[in-house]
Structure formats: C-alpha cells, structure tokens
C-alpha atoms as a PDB file:
ATOM      1  CA  MET A   1     -15.502 185.799   3.573  1.00  0.00           C
ATOM      2  CA  LEU A   2     -11.704 185.193   3.297  1.00  0.00           C
ATOM      3  CA  TRP A   3      -9.854 187.112   6.031  1.00  0.00           C
ATOM      4  CA  ASP A   4      -7.897 190.372   4.821  1.00  0.00           C
ATOM      5  CA  HIS A   5      -6.384 193.485   6.290  1.00  0.00           C
ATOM      6  CA  PRO A   6      -4.156 196.096   4.866  1.00  0.00           C
ATOM      7  CA  CYS A   7      -1.877 195.771   7.753  1.00  0.00           C
ATOM      8  CA  MET A   8      -1.924 191.858   7.816  1.00  0.00           C
ATOM      9  CA  PRO A   9       1.247 189.944   8.051  1.00  0.00           C
ATOM     10  CA  THR A  10       3.217 188.788   4.765  1.00  0.00           C
ATOM     11  CA  VAL A  11       1.843 185.412   3.593  1.00  0.00           C
ATOM     12  CA  ARG A  12       5.018 183.531   4.326  1.00  0.00           C
ATOM     13  CA  ALA A  13       4.661 184.651   7.910  1.00  0.00           C
ATOM     14  CA  SER A  14       1.183 183.729   8.298  1.00  0.00           C
ATOM     15  CA  ALA A  15       1.653 180.290   6.576  1.00  0.00           C
ATOM     16  CA  LEU A  16       4.492 179.676   9.054  1.00  0.00           C
ATOM     17  CA  GLU A  17       2.357 180.594  12.023  1.00  0.00           C
ATOM     18  CA  ALA A  18      -0.457 177.988  10.517  1.00  0.00           C
ATOM     19  CA  THR A  19       2.350 175.456  10.240  1.00  0.00           C
ATOM     20  CA  ASN A  20       3.448 175.831  14.038  1.00  0.00           C
ATOM     21  CA  ALA A  21       0.570 176.975  15.829  1.00  0.00           C
ATOM     22  CA  LYS A  22      -0.895 174.976  18.856  1.00  0.00           C
ATOM     23  CA  ASP A  23      -3.909 177.457  19.614  1.00  0.00           C
ATOM     24  CA  ALA A  24      -6.873 176.256  17.869  1.00  0.00           C
ATOM     25  CA  ASP A  25      -8.255 179.786  18.016  1.00  0.00           C
ATOM     26  CA  VAL A  26      -5.349 181.004  16.102  1.00  0.00           C
ATOM     27  CA  LEU A  27      -5.821 178.582  13.579  1.00  0.00           C
ATOM     28  CA  ARG A  28      -9.516 178.959  13.248  1.00  0.00           C
ATOM     29  CA  SER A  29      -8.811 182.527  12.455  1.00  0.00           C
ATOM     30  CA  LEU A  30      -5.978 181.595   9.682  1.00  0.00           C
ATOM     31  CA  SER A  31      -8.388 179.243   8.312  1.00  0.00           C
ATOM     32  CA  THR A  32     -10.110 182.127   6.508  1.00  0.00           C
ATOM     33  CA  HIS A  33      -6.785 183.674   5.178  1.00  0.00           C
ATOM     34  CA  ARG A  34      -7.171 184.719   1.321  1.00  0.00           C
ATOM     35  CA  SER A  35      -4.154 182.826   0.629  1.00  0.00           C
ATOM     36  CA  MET A  36      -4.416 179.038  -0.339  1.00  0.00           C
ATOM     37  CA  SER A  37      -0.890 178.505   1.267  1.00  0.00           C
ATOM     38  CA  VAL A  38      -1.993 179.522   4.767  1.00  0.00           C
ATOM     39  CA  ARG A  39      -5.304 177.457   4.485  1.00  0.00           C
ATOM     40  CA  TYR A  40      -3.258 174.508   3.428  1.00  0.00           C
ATOM     41  CA  ALA A  41      -0.997 175.121   6.497  1.00  0.00           C
ATOM     42  CA  VAL A  42      -3.778 175.154   8.625  1.00  0.00           C
ATOM     43  CA  ALA A  43      -5.440 172.129   7.108  1.00  0.00           C
ATOM     44  CA  ASP A  44      -2.196 170.041   7.681  1.00  0.00           C
ATOM     45  CA  ASN A  45      -1.725 171.137  11.386  1.00  0.00           C
ATOM     46  CA  PRO A  46      -2.769 168.279  13.640  1.00  0.00           C
ATOM     47  CA  ALA A  47      -3.839 171.004  16.403  1.00  0.00           C
ATOM     48  CA  THR A  48      -6.552 172.353  14.022  1.00  0.00           C
ATOM     49  CA  ASP A  49      -9.988 171.740  15.478  1.00  0.00           C
ATOM     50  CA  ASP A  50     -12.591 169.513  14.133  1.00  0.00           C
ATOM     51  CA  GLU A  51     -14.920 172.101  13.009  1.00  0.00           C
ATOM     52  CA  THR A  52     -12.080 173.971  10.983  1.00  0.00           C
ATOM     53  CA  ILE A  53     -11.017 170.816   9.315  1.00  0.00           C
ATOM     54  CA  ALA A  54     -14.708 170.274   8.334  1.00  0.00           C
ATOM     55  CA  ARG A  55     -14.889 173.713   6.701  1.00  0.00           C
ATOM     56  CA  LEU A  56     -11.834 173.194   4.940  1.00  0.00           C
ATOM     57  CA  ILE A  57     -12.750 170.142   3.404  1.00  0.00           C
ATOM     58  CA  ASP A  58     -15.067 172.311   1.419  1.00  0.00           C
ATOM     59  CA  ASP A  59     -12.588 174.763   0.696  1.00  0.00           C
ATOM     60  CA  PRO A  60     -12.576 176.030  -2.975  1.00  0.00           C
ATOM     61  CA  ASN A  61      -8.930 174.991  -3.641  1.00  0.00           C
ATOM     62  CA  GLU A  62      -8.604 171.313  -4.096  1.00  0.00           C
ATOM     63  CA  SER A  63      -5.083 171.311  -2.339  1.00  0.00           C
ATOM     64  CA  VAL A  64      -6.463 172.520   0.865  1.00  0.00           C
ATOM     65  CA  ARG A  65      -9.541 170.056   0.734  1.00  0.00           C
ATOM     66  CA  TYR A  66      -7.524 167.030   0.021  1.00  0.00           C
ATOM     67  CA  THR A  67      -4.919 168.212   2.650  1.00  0.00           C
ATOM     68  CA  ALA A  68      -7.578 168.401   5.348  1.00  0.00           C
ATOM     69  CA  ALA A  69      -9.286 165.148   4.250  1.00  0.00           C
ATOM     70  CA  SER A  70      -5.721 163.569   5.024  1.00  0.00           C
ATOM     71  CA  ASN A  71      -5.726 165.102   8.549  1.00  0.00           C
ATOM     72  CA  LEU A  72      -8.366 162.689   9.889  1.00  0.00           C
ATOM     73  CA  ALA A  73      -6.156 160.477  12.090  1.00  0.00           C
ATOM     74  CA  GLU A  74      -7.655 161.537  15.256  1.00  0.00           C
ATOM     75  CA  ARG A  75     -11.062 162.560  14.104  1.00  0.00           C
ATOM     76  CA  PRO A  76     -13.572 159.705  13.663  1.00  0.00           C
ATOM     77  CA  ALA A  77     -16.580 161.600  13.196  1.00  0.00           C
ATOM     78  CA  LEU A  78     -15.021 163.561  10.298  1.00  0.00           C
ATOM     79  CA  GLN A  79     -13.944 160.020   8.859  1.00  0.00           C
ATOM     80  CA  GLN A  80     -17.798 159.242   8.797  1.00  0.00           C
ATOM     81  CA  LEU A  81     -18.444 162.417   6.858  1.00  0.00           C
ATOM     82  CA  VAL A  82     -15.733 162.207   4.522  1.00  0.00           C
ATOM     83  CA  ALA A  83     -16.362 158.618   3.816  1.00  0.00           C
ATOM     84  CA  ARG A  84     -19.725 159.536   2.446  1.00  0.00           C
ATOM     85  CA  SER A  85     -18.388 162.795   0.367  1.00  0.00           C
ATOM     86  CA  SER A  86     -19.384 163.009  -3.019  1.00  0.00           C
ATOM     87  CA  ASP A  87     -15.730 163.856  -4.006  1.00  0.00           C
ATOM     88  CA  GLU A  88     -14.055 160.559  -4.832  1.00  0.00           C
ATOM     89  CA  TRP A  89     -10.458 162.049  -4.160  1.00  0.00           C
ATOM     90  CA  LEU A  90     -11.366 163.154  -0.565  1.00  0.00           C
ATOM     91  CA  ARG A  91     -12.652 159.401  -0.082  1.00  0.00           C
ATOM     92  CA  ALA A  92      -9.249 158.250  -1.626  1.00  0.00           C
ATOM     93  CA  ALA A  93      -7.377 160.586   0.815  1.00  0.00           C
ATOM     94  CA  LEU A  94      -9.338 159.073   3.757  1.00  0.00           C
ATOM     95  CA  ALA A  95      -8.328 155.544   2.595  1.00  0.00           C
ATOM     96  CA  SER A  96      -4.798 156.499   2.919  1.00  0.00           C
ATOM     97  CA  THR A  97      -4.788 157.663   6.438  1.00  0.00           C
ATOM     98  CA  PHE A  98      -2.824 155.028   8.017  1.00  0.00           C
ATOM     99  CA  LEU A  99      -0.770 154.132   5.038  1.00  0.00           C
ATOM    100  CA  ASP A 100       2.483 154.522   7.051  1.00  0.00           C
ATOM    101  CA  GLN A 101       1.184 153.181  10.427  1.00  0.00           C
ATOM    102  CA  ASP A 102       0.847 149.490  10.132  1.00  0.00           C
ATOM    103  CA  ASP A 103      -0.514 149.159  14.062  1.00  0.00           C
ATOM    104  CA  ARG A 104      -3.520 151.501  13.200  1.00  0.00           C
ATOM    105  CA  SER A 105      -6.543 151.571  10.923  1.00  0.00           C
ATOM    106  CA  LEU A 106      -9.467 153.208  10.260  1.00  0.00           C
ATOM    107  CA  PRO A 107     -12.862 152.098  11.907  1.00  0.00           C
ATOM    108  CA  ARG A 108     -14.396 148.813  10.338  1.00  0.00           C
ATOM    109  CA  ASP A 109     -17.437 150.500   9.291  1.00  0.00           C
ATOM    110  CA  VAL A 110     -15.543 153.263   7.690  1.00  0.00           C
ATOM    111  CA  GLN A 111     -13.263 150.720   5.643  1.00  0.00           C
ATOM    112  CA  ARG A 112     -16.534 148.685   4.725  1.00  0.00           C
ATOM    113  CA  ALA A 113     -17.805 151.869   3.045  1.00  0.00           C
ATOM    114  CA  LEU A 114     -14.843 152.683   1.076  1.00  0.00           C
ATOM    115  CA  MET A 115     -14.331 148.892   0.246  1.00  0.00           C
ATOM    116  CA  ALA A 116     -17.556 149.611  -1.579  1.00  0.00           C
ATOM    117  CA  ASP A 117     -16.675 152.684  -3.136  1.00  0.00           C
ATOM    118  CA  THR A 118     -17.173 153.284  -6.755  1.00  0.00           C
ATOM    119  CA  PHE A 119     -13.848 154.799  -7.190  1.00  0.00           C
ATOM    120  CA  ALA A 120     -11.359 152.253  -7.712  1.00  0.00           C
ATOM    121  CA  GLU A 121      -8.373 154.146  -6.458  1.00  0.00           C
ATOM    122  CA  THR A 122     -10.306 154.408  -3.079  1.00  0.00           C
ATOM    123  CA  ARG A 123     -10.768 150.597  -3.022  1.00  0.00           C
ATOM    124  CA  SER A 124      -6.993 150.149  -3.913  1.00  0.00           C
ATOM    125  CA  ARG A 125      -5.859 152.240  -0.867  1.00  0.00           C
ATOM    126  CA  ILE A 126      -8.174 150.317   1.433  1.00  0.00           C
ATOM    127  CA  ALA A 127      -6.705 147.134  -0.036  1.00  0.00           C
ATOM    128  CA  GLU A 128      -3.115 148.240   1.055  1.00  0.00           C
ATOM    129  CA  THR A 129      -3.984 149.467   4.414  1.00  0.00           C
ATOM    130  CA  THR A 130      -6.852 147.260   5.749  1.00  0.00           C
ATOM    131  CA  ASN A 131      -6.440 144.954   8.694  1.00  0.00           C
ATOM    132  CA  TYR A 132      -9.489 143.290   8.673  1.00  0.00           C
ATOM    133  CA  LEU A 133      -9.415 139.695   6.768  1.00  0.00           C
ATOM    134  CA  ASP A 134     -12.951 139.728   5.319  1.00  0.00           C
ATOM    135  CA  ILE A 135     -12.566 143.435   3.804  1.00  0.00           C
ATOM    136  CA  PHE A 136      -9.050 142.162   2.229  1.00  0.00           C
ATOM    137  CA  GLU A 137     -10.531 138.824   0.960  1.00  0.00           C
ATOM    138  CA  THR A 138     -13.408 140.907  -0.695  1.00  0.00           C
ATOM    139  CA  LEU A 139     -10.787 143.086  -2.363  1.00  0.00           C
ATOM    140  CA  LEU A 140      -8.653 140.208  -3.582  1.00  0.00           C
ATOM    141  CA  HIS A 141     -11.628 139.367  -5.478  1.00  0.00           C
ATOM    142  CA  ASP A 142     -12.350 142.623  -7.043  1.00  0.00           C
ATOM    143  CA  SER A 143     -13.352 143.164 -10.546  1.00  0.00           C
ATOM    144  CA  ASP A 144     -10.826 146.035 -11.166  1.00  0.00           C
ATOM    145  CA  ASP A 145      -7.226 144.782 -11.924  1.00  0.00           C
ATOM    146  CA  ARG A 146      -5.691 147.986 -10.117  1.00  0.00           C
ATOM    147  CA  VAL A 147      -7.494 146.865  -6.858  1.00  0.00           C
ATOM    148  CA  ARG A 148      -6.293 143.419  -6.797  1.00  0.00           C
ATOM    149  CA  ALA A 149      -2.947 144.755  -7.637  1.00  0.00           C
ATOM    150  CA  ALA A 150      -2.791 146.873  -4.795  1.00  0.00           C
ATOM    151  CA  CYS A 151      -3.571 143.876  -2.252  1.00  0.00           C
ATOM    152  CA  ALA A 152       0.012 142.913  -2.823  1.00  0.00           C
ATOM    153  CA  ALA A 153       1.571 145.934  -0.995  1.00  0.00           C
ATOM    154  CA  ASN A 154      -0.482 144.975   2.287  1.00  0.00           C
ATOM    155  CA  PRO A 155       2.195 143.933   4.697  1.00  0.00           C
ATOM    156  CA  ARG A 156      -0.228 141.521   6.220  1.00  0.00           C
ATOM    157  CA  ILE A 157      -0.847 139.404   3.326  1.00  0.00           C
ATOM    158  CA  GLU A 158      -0.242 135.760   3.994  1.00  0.00           C
ATOM    159  CA  ARG A 159       1.440 133.372   1.579  1.00  0.00           C
ATOM    160  CA  GLU A 160      -1.900 131.685   0.160  1.00  0.00           C
ATOM    161  CA  GLN A 161      -3.345 135.175  -0.833  1.00  0.00           C
ATOM    162  CA  MET A 162      -0.094 136.075  -2.359  1.00  0.00           C
ATOM    163  CA  GLU A 163      -0.415 132.647  -4.354  1.00  0.00           C
ATOM    164  CA  ARG A 164      -3.716 134.133  -5.691  1.00  0.00           C
ATOM    165  CA  LEU A 165      -1.995 137.271  -6.943  1.00  0.00           C
ATOM    166  CA  ILE A 166       0.996 135.448  -8.670  1.00  0.00           C
ATOM    167  CA  THR A 167      -1.388 133.277 -10.431  1.00  0.00           C
ATOM    168  CA  ASP A 168      -3.784 135.965 -11.530  1.00  0.00           C
ATOM    169  CA  PRO A 169      -5.010 136.042 -14.986  1.00  0.00           C
ATOM    170  CA  LYS A 170      -4.030 139.731 -15.624  1.00  0.00           C
ATOM    171  CA  TRP A 171      -0.153 140.152 -16.224  1.00  0.00           C
ATOM    172  CA  GLU A 172      -0.124 143.567 -14.420  1.00  0.00           C
ATOM    173  CA  VAL A 173      -1.757 142.137 -11.101  1.00  0.00           C
ATOM    174  CA  ARG A 174       0.985 139.606 -11.096  1.00  0.00           C
ATOM    175  CA  ALA A 175       3.787 141.970 -11.861  1.00  0.00           C
ATOM    176  CA  SER A 176       2.460 144.288  -8.947  1.00  0.00           C
ATOM    177  CA  ALA A 177       2.980 141.051  -6.677  1.00  0.00           C
ATOM    178  CA  ALA A 178       6.257 140.793  -7.758  1.00  0.00           C
ATOM    179  CA  ALA A 179       7.312 144.272  -7.514  1.00  0.00           C
ATOM    180  CA  ARG A 180       5.333 145.490  -4.431  1.00  0.00           C
ATOM    181  CA  GLY A 181       5.016 142.229  -2.056  1.00  0.00           C
ATOM    182  CA  MET A 182       6.996 142.651   1.179  1.00  0.00           C
ATOM    183  CA  ARG A 183       7.333 139.370   3.264  1.00  0.00           C
ATOM    184  CA  TYR A 184       5.969 137.451   0.161  1.00  0.00           C
ATOM    185  CA  PRO A 185       6.317 136.626  -2.865  1.00  0.00           C
ATOM    186  CA  ASP A 186       9.052 134.224  -0.910  1.00  0.00           C
ATOM    187  CA  ASP A 187      11.890 132.825  -3.200  1.00  0.00           C
ATOM    188  CA  GLU A 188       9.715 129.842  -4.277  1.00  0.00           C
ATOM    189  CA  GLN A 189       7.098 132.185  -5.760  1.00  0.00           C
ATOM    190  CA  LEU A 190       9.748 134.476  -7.444  1.00  0.00           C
ATOM    191  CA  LEU A 191      11.285 131.509  -9.253  1.00  0.00           C
ATOM    192  CA  ARG A 192       7.841 130.874 -10.601  1.00  0.00           C
ATOM    193  CA  LEU A 193       7.455 134.323 -11.647  1.00  0.00           C
ATOM    194  CA  ALA A 194      10.831 134.598 -13.281  1.00  0.00           C
ATOM    195  CA  GLN A 195       9.293 131.755 -15.540  1.00  0.00           C
ATOM    196  CA  ASP A 196       5.969 133.861 -16.005  1.00  0.00           C
ATOM    197  CA  ARG A 197       4.627 133.969 -19.679  1.00  0.00           C
ATOM    198  CA  SER A 198       4.600 137.745 -19.375  1.00  0.00           C
ATOM    199  CA  VAL A 199       7.819 139.802 -20.475  1.00  0.00           C
ATOM    200  CA  GLY A 200       6.721 142.502 -18.114  1.00  0.00           C
ATOM    201  CA  VAL A 201       6.462 140.191 -15.239  1.00  0.00           C
ATOM    202  CA  ARG A 202       9.773 138.553 -15.747  1.00  0.00           C
ATOM    203  CA  TRP A 203      11.352 142.080 -16.302  1.00  0.00           C
ATOM    204  CA  THR A 204       9.714 143.072 -12.736  1.00  0.00           C
ATOM    205  CA  VAL A 205      11.508 140.023 -10.937  1.00  0.00           C
ATOM    206  CA  VAL A 206      14.916 141.367 -12.498  1.00  0.00           C
ATOM    207  CA  TYR A 207      14.417 144.464 -10.722  1.00  0.00           C
ATOM    208  CA  ARG A 208      13.170 143.467  -7.411  1.00  0.00           C
ATOM    209  CA  PRO A 209      16.231 143.773  -5.092  1.00  0.00           C
ATOM    210  CA  ASP A 210      16.042 140.660  -3.032  1.00  0.00           C
ATOM    211  CA  ARG A 211      15.019 138.015  -6.081  1.00  0.00           C
ATOM    212  CA  PRO A 212      16.983 134.969  -5.596  1.00  0.00           C
ATOM    213  CA  ARG A 213      20.111 134.322  -7.786  1.00  0.00           C
ATOM    214  CA  ALA A 214      18.358 131.390  -9.473  1.00  0.00           C
ATOM    215  CA  ALA A 215      15.806 133.570 -10.632  1.00  0.00           C
ATOM    216  CA  LEU A 216      18.080 135.891 -12.385  1.00  0.00           C
ATOM    217  CA  GLU A 217      19.912 132.707 -13.926  1.00  0.00           C
ATOM    218  CA  LEU A 218      16.635 131.648 -15.347  1.00  0.00           C
ATOM    219  CA  ILE A 219      15.765 135.096 -16.724  1.00  0.00           C
ATOM    220  CA  ALA A 220      19.476 135.520 -18.365  1.00  0.00           C
ATOM    221  CA  LYS A 221      18.183 132.517 -20.492  1.00  0.00           C
ATOM    222  CA  ASP A 222      15.132 134.587 -21.442  1.00  0.00           C
ATOM    223  CA  ASP A 223      13.839 134.726 -25.097  1.00  0.00           C
ATOM    224  CA  ASP A 224      13.379 138.472 -24.464  1.00  0.00           C
ATOM    225  CA  GLU A 225      16.676 140.061 -25.285  1.00  0.00           C
ATOM    226  CA  MET A 226      16.248 142.950 -22.700  1.00  0.00           C
ATOM    227  CA  ASN A 227      15.177 140.632 -19.793  1.00  0.00           C
ATOM    228  CA  ALA A 228      18.009 138.265 -20.572  1.00  0.00           C
ATOM    229  CA  HIS A 229      20.701 141.600 -20.826  1.00  0.00           C
ATOM    230  CA  ALA A 230      19.259 142.847 -17.656  1.00  0.00           C
ATOM    231  CA  ALA A 231      19.592 139.676 -15.935  1.00  0.00           C
ATOM    232  CA  LYS A 232      23.192 138.795 -17.106  1.00  0.00           C
ATOM    233  CA  SER A 233      24.080 142.384 -15.983  1.00  0.00           C
ATOM    234  CA  VAL A 234      23.131 141.760 -12.356  1.00  0.00           C
ATOM    235  CA  LEU A 235      24.617 138.408 -12.596  1.00  0.00           C
ATOM    236  CA  GLY A 236      28.007 140.188 -13.621  1.00  0.00           C
ATOM    237  CA  ASP A 237      27.581 142.354 -10.367  1.00  0.00           C
ATOM    238  CA  ASP A 238      26.428 145.226 -12.366  1.00  0.00           C
ATOM    239  CA  ASP A 239      23.928 146.210  -9.818  1.00  0.00           C
ATOM    240  CA  ILE A 240      20.870 147.822 -11.341  1.00  0.00           C
ATOM    241  CA  ASN A 241      19.430 148.928  -8.308  1.00  0.00           C
ATOM    242  CA  SER A 242      20.711 152.131  -6.262  1.00  0.00           C
ATOM    243  CA  ALA A 243      21.570 151.805  -2.701  1.00  0.00           C
ATOM    244  CA  GLN A 244      18.561 153.682  -1.591  1.00  0.00           C
ATOM    245  CA  VAL A 245      16.389 150.967  -3.439  1.00  0.00           C
ATOM    246  CA  ARG A 246      18.159 148.295  -1.784  1.00  0.00           C
ATOM    247  CA  ASP A 247      18.021 149.977   1.632  1.00  0.00           C
ATOM    248  CA  SER A 248      14.139 150.673   1.190  1.00  0.00           C
ATOM    249  CA  ALA A 249      13.462 147.005   0.074  1.00  0.00           C
ATOM    250  CA  ARG A 250      15.164 145.720   3.305  1.00  0.00           C
ATOM    251  CA  GLU A 251      13.278 148.222   5.586  1.00  0.00           C
ATOM    252  CA  GLN A 252       9.745 147.089   3.838  1.00  0.00           C
ATOM    253  CA  ARG A 253      10.575 143.449   4.540  1.00  0.00           C
ATOM    254  CA  ALA A 254      11.366 144.352   8.052  1.00  0.00           C
ATOM    255  CA  ARG A 255       8.218 146.257   8.229  1.00  0.00           C
ATOM    256  CA  ALA A 256       6.089 143.458   6.747  1.00  0.00           C
ATOM    257  CA  GLU A 257       7.817 140.788   9.485  1.00  0.00           C
ATOM    258  CA  GLY A 258       7.052 143.069  12.462  1.00  0.00           C
ATOM    259  CA  THR A 259       3.315 143.721  11.291  1.00  0.00           C
ATOM    260  CA  LEU A 260       0.535 141.683  13.121  1.00  0.00           C
ATOM    261  CA  GLY A 261      -1.827 139.786  10.853  1.00  0.00           C
ATOM    262  CA  PHE A 262      -5.420 140.400   9.719  1.00  0.00           C
ATOM    263  CA  GLN A 263      -7.928 140.635  12.439  1.00  0.00           C
ATOM    264  CA  GLY A 264     -11.039 138.025  11.784  1.00  0.00           C
END
C-alpha cells in the first residue's frame, strides 16, 4: 500500500526530504509514498538501504525502477539480482553503473552475464565500460553492429583493437570509431578514415575536434559536395565545433590517457 495521510507534507517537501535524507528508516517510509517523484528521489539516494532499493526495482513506475537499478554501485547482491532480471532496460541500467568511473567496474561474473545478454543495448553498455580483456574481445566480435560500435568508446581500447573497428565491414562501426574513440584512432588512422569509402565516415572525421589538418585537406577534395564544403570551411578557420565540444574532446582524451588498461 502506498503511503498517504490527510495531514501529509506537500509532495515537493517530501521529495526534497527523500533527496537529502541520510536515515534509512526515513527513506524506507518515504519509499511507499503515493507520489512517483518522492519514490524516485528515494530510489536515487545512495543512503537508501538495499531492501528498499530491491522493492523499488519492482515499483509500478518505470522511472522509479530504472533509477533504482542505476543506484547499485555499492550493492553487489542487488547487482546479481538485476543481472538476472526479465526487464531488459533494468539490465541495461546495471551495465551503465560505472560509465563515468573508469577506476571501477562491475564484478567479472556480473559482466559476463551482461556480455551474454540478449538485449544489444546491455551488451553495448558493457562494451563501453568493461575492464576485462576477454569480455571486451568477445564484444569486439559481437554480431550486432551497435555493440561493436560501442567498443570504440571504451577508454581502455588499444590501437590494434581500434584498427579492427576502423576496418569493420559496416560503415556505422567505422563512423563510431571516428566519432567516439578517445586516445585512438590516432592521426594515421584518422587519415585513412578521411579516405573511407563511406560518405558518412568521412563526414564524421570532419566533425571530430582533434582530427589532423591533413585529414581535412583530403576531405576538402571529396567528391561529396557537403563533405568538401564542410572541410573547406574548417580549413578557412570557420570552426564548426563549439568551444564546449572542443573542451569535451580534450577532456575525453585526457581521461583515456589516464585510464589503466584491461585486466587479463
């Protein structure tokens, strides 16, 4: 039964309390509030106890469920539970747990379960975040283009592994390598991508903030008018990327260079 009372505080006040509370008993009480926004705040609070998070993973509201499944960094028992969930988006949320924390990862057995997931989105997110070489190598050979494309975004990727992506038969995978790779592709690889047979891949190289000038000079002679025009604009100092995009690219490269490699 969802918590309700004629003298209850406003929903906004309860949601704020759920956001800031550190007391597990308070959060447990608020977890049965009638308002989704309050339960959502409880699901998002790291101080919420495992039992309450487990209950919110089964909440009637999908936003609450997915938020609870995204709050499992310090909950190994619940990671195991969600890895076996019948809800594919809960499993995908679990796979994203350490997306922004390169020094941490899910346990190997959980990663292996998610690597074999039937849902491509889950496998894609593990491809981006895994720190285990065998798991990453398996996903590099995944039959789904989206999963192989996601491998490009893993900051631990080595040059030889990126080489496989930039020579993948599918242009979408090669374009993802050009767009999402951090430390790699390097300048030599980008020069080859600038001559890729796909218009879309060459277009992606133009819009990569740290592409070498020689790549732009190649694309400025492109048979595709839009590609050639975009490359010429950049060569003429008309920067097509915002300062925010350029700053983000520098941060991503620094992130990759500071990340430890794969574990064996």
